[in-house]
Amino acid sequence: MAGLEKKVRTCFWFQAGGLKAAEFYVSLLPDSRIDAVFEHGVPQDPMVVEFTLAGAPMMILTGGPTYKLTPAASISVLTKDQAETDRLWAELLEGGGQESMCGWLEDKYGVSWQIVPEILPRLIGDEDRDAGRRAQQAMLHMRKIDIAKIKAAFAGQAA
């Protein structure tokens, strides 16, 4: 079983629908796949789904209403450009997701995501601290991150 050779993996507790969620997630990013499904008498809603998401081992445990998902744990994805940011943002919101601030959203299954263009942490952490602060301030007012506006703020240009 692929994924089991990794010592550490992230586990999300779902009330129901773990397999559907995992199938959706692996459709979003390259180097993603379902690795194993462990049933517990309900074939359409297995107890454990192990999967790889962009090379990272993950699992969903369908354990009922004992615990709820929270934004305190999220999946953070670095995107290469605005097109990838826009695509993931739209796909994750489809079917009932909710936007939040600063590149965060909650998908239709209740999992929180951070969709972060890879340039954002580089600009915010730039050695030119004033430019980095301008980029950060611009980001704080956004829902989905707009790379052009972040770059303009970094450069000191009005948005």
Protein backbone atom coordinates (compact mmCIF):
# COMPACT_ATOMS: atom_id res chain seq x y z
CA MET A 1 0.00 0.00 0.00
CA ALA A 2 1.50 3.26 -1.15
CA GLY A 3 1.59 5.94 1.50
CA LEU A 4 2.10 3.51 4.39
CA GLU A 5 5.88 3.77 4.05
CA LYS A 6 5.65 7.38 5.30
CA LYS A 7 6.03 7.76 9.03
CA VAL A 8 3.82 10.87 9.35
CA ARG A 9 0.51 11.60 7.64
CA THR A 10 -2.38 13.95 8.24
CA CYS A 11 -5.73 12.50 9.33
CA PHE A 12 -9.08 14.26 9.05
CA TRP A 13 -12.08 12.98 11.04
CA PHE A 14 -15.24 13.06 8.94
CA GLN A 15 -18.78 12.41 10.10
CA ALA A 16 -19.60 10.82 6.72
CA GLY A 17 -18.58 10.99 3.07
CA GLY A 18 -14.85 10.41 3.46
CA LEU A 19 -14.40 8.42 0.26
CA LYS A 20 -16.22 11.02 -1.87
CA ALA A 21 -14.09 13.76 -0.35
CA ALA A 22 -10.83 11.86 -0.95
CA GLU A 23 -11.83 11.14 -4.56
CA PHE A 24 -12.54 14.85 -5.03
CA TYR A 25 -9.25 15.91 -3.44
CA VAL A 26 -7.08 13.59 -5.55
CA SER A 27 -8.74 14.98 -8.69
CA LEU A 28 -7.43 18.47 -7.88
CA LEU A 29 -3.65 18.09 -7.83
CA PRO A 30 -0.99 16.08 -9.69
CA ASP A 31 0.83 13.29 -7.82
CA SER A 32 -2.40 12.42 -5.99
CA ARG A 33 -4.17 9.07 -5.69
CA ILE A 34 -6.30 6.85 -3.47
CA ASP A 35 -3.90 4.39 -1.79
CA ALA A 36 -6.18 2.19 0.32
CA VAL A 37 -9.79 1.89 1.44
CA PHE A 38 -10.73 0.05 4.64
CA GLU A 39 -14.42 -0.77 4.94
CA HIS A 40 -16.47 -1.41 8.06
CA GLY A 41 -19.66 -2.83 6.62
CA VAL A 42 -20.80 0.29 4.76
CA PRO A 43 -19.16 -0.01 1.30
CA GLN A 44 -20.25 3.43 0.08
CA ASP A 45 -18.80 5.06 3.21
CA PRO A 46 -15.64 3.20 4.29
CA MET A 47 -14.13 3.80 7.72
CA VAL A 48 -10.64 4.78 6.49
CA VAL A 49 -9.42 6.15 3.18
CA GLU A 50 -5.68 6.59 2.77
CA PHE A 51 -4.61 8.83 -0.07
CA THR A 52 -1.71 10.85 -1.39
CA LEU A 53 -2.32 14.53 -2.09
CA ALA A 54 0.40 16.19 -4.17
CA GLY A 55 2.88 13.68 -2.75
CA ALA A 56 1.77 14.14 0.88
CA PRO A 57 0.24 11.14 2.70
CA MET A 58 -3.22 11.81 4.10
CA MET A 59 -6.12 9.85 5.50
CA ILE A 60 -9.77 10.37 6.24
CA LEU A 61 -11.36 8.51 9.13
CA THR A 62 -15.15 8.35 8.92
CA GLY A 63 -16.00 8.11 12.59
CA GLY A 64 -19.37 9.76 13.00
CA PRO A 65 -20.31 12.92 14.91
CA THR A 66 -17.80 12.62 17.77
CA TYR A 67 -15.49 15.36 16.37
CA LYS A 68 -15.97 18.23 13.94
CA LEU A 69 -13.59 19.68 11.39
CA THR A 70 -12.15 23.10 12.26
CA PRO A 71 -10.07 25.77 10.48
CA ALA A 72 -7.43 25.18 13.16
CA ALA A 73 -6.18 22.45 10.81
CA SER A 74 -6.01 23.19 7.09
CA ILE A 75 -4.45 21.98 3.87
CA SER A 76 -2.07 24.59 2.48
CA VAL A 77 -1.31 24.47 -1.24
CA LEU A 78 1.38 26.58 -2.91
CA THR A 79 0.27 27.54 -6.40
CA LYS A 80 2.63 28.41 -9.25
CA ASP A 81 0.59 31.24 -10.77
CA GLN A 82 -2.75 33.06 -10.82
CA ALA A 83 -4.31 30.52 -13.18
CA GLU A 84 -3.63 27.65 -10.76
CA THR A 85 -4.81 29.79 -7.84
CA ASP A 86 -8.04 30.62 -9.66
CA ARG A 87 -8.66 27.00 -10.73
CA LEU A 88 -8.19 25.52 -7.26
CA TRP A 89 -10.19 28.31 -5.65
CA ALA A 90 -13.14 27.74 -7.99
CA GLU A 91 -13.05 23.94 -7.74
CA LEU A 92 -12.83 23.94 -3.95
CA LEU A 93 -15.74 26.38 -3.60
CA GLU A 94 -17.93 24.50 -6.06
CA GLY A 95 -20.94 22.82 -4.52
CA GLY A 96 -21.14 24.78 -1.28
CA GLY A 97 -17.69 25.92 -0.16
CA GLN A 98 -17.20 29.19 1.75
CA GLU A 99 -14.59 31.88 1.13
CA SER A 100 -12.65 33.32 4.01
CA MET A 101 -9.88 35.92 4.20
CA CYS A 102 -6.20 35.84 3.20
CA GLY A 103 -6.43 32.93 0.77
CA TRP A 104 -8.41 30.64 3.09
CA LEU A 105 -11.60 28.79 2.23
CA GLU A 106 -13.68 25.90 3.47
CA ASP A 107 -14.71 23.27 0.93
CA LYS A 108 -18.12 21.58 0.70
CA TYR A 109 -16.90 18.82 3.04
CA GLY A 110 -15.88 21.26 5.77
CA VAL A 111 -12.10 21.02 5.29
CA SER A 112 -10.22 24.33 5.42
CA TRP A 113 -7.67 25.14 2.73
CA GLN A 114 -5.08 27.85 2.22
CA ILE A 115 -4.50 28.57 -1.47
CA VAL A 116 -1.21 30.48 -1.51
CA PRO A 117 0.63 31.64 -4.63
CA GLU A 118 4.27 30.59 -4.13
CA ILE A 119 5.41 34.18 -4.65
CA LEU A 120 3.42 35.47 -1.64
CA PRO A 121 5.66 34.19 1.20
CA ARG A 122 8.74 35.31 -0.75
CA LEU A 123 7.41 38.86 -1.11
CA ILE A 124 6.12 39.12 2.46
CA GLY A 125 9.43 37.80 3.78
CA ASP A 126 11.61 39.94 1.51
CA GLU A 127 14.59 41.66 3.09
CA ASP A 128 13.02 44.98 2.05
CA ARG A 129 10.76 45.01 5.11
CA ASP A 130 8.70 48.01 3.97
CA ALA A 131 7.87 46.31 0.66
CA GLY A 132 7.11 43.06 2.49
CA ARG A 133 4.73 44.86 4.86
CA ARG A 134 2.93 46.49 1.92
CA ALA A 135 2.46 43.07 0.30
CA GLN A 136 1.18 41.66 3.59
CA GLN A 137 -1.23 44.54 4.11
CA ALA A 138 -2.63 44.03 0.61
CA MET A 139 -3.09 40.31 1.30
CA LEU A 140 -4.97 41.00 4.55
CA HIS A 141 -7.79 42.64 2.56
CA MET A 142 -8.18 39.81 0.05
CA ARG A 143 -10.18 36.64 0.01
CA LYS A 144 -8.60 34.87 -2.98
CA ILE A 145 -5.03 36.08 -3.41
CA ASP A 146 -4.53 38.34 -6.43
CA ILE A 147 -0.87 38.11 -7.43
CA ALA A 148 -0.89 41.29 -9.57
CA LYS A 149 -2.25 43.35 -6.66
CA ILE A 150 0.27 41.82 -4.24
CA LYS A 151 3.14 42.64 -6.64
CA ALA A 152 1.82 46.19 -7.10
CA ALA A 153 1.63 46.72 -3.34
CA PHE A 154 5.14 45.29 -2.94
CA ALA A 155 6.40 47.77 -5.55
CA GLY A 156 4.64 50.65 -3.80
CA GLN A 157 2.12 51.17 -6.60
CA ALA A 158 -1.52 51.93 -5.95
CA ALA A 159 -3.80 48.97 -6.64
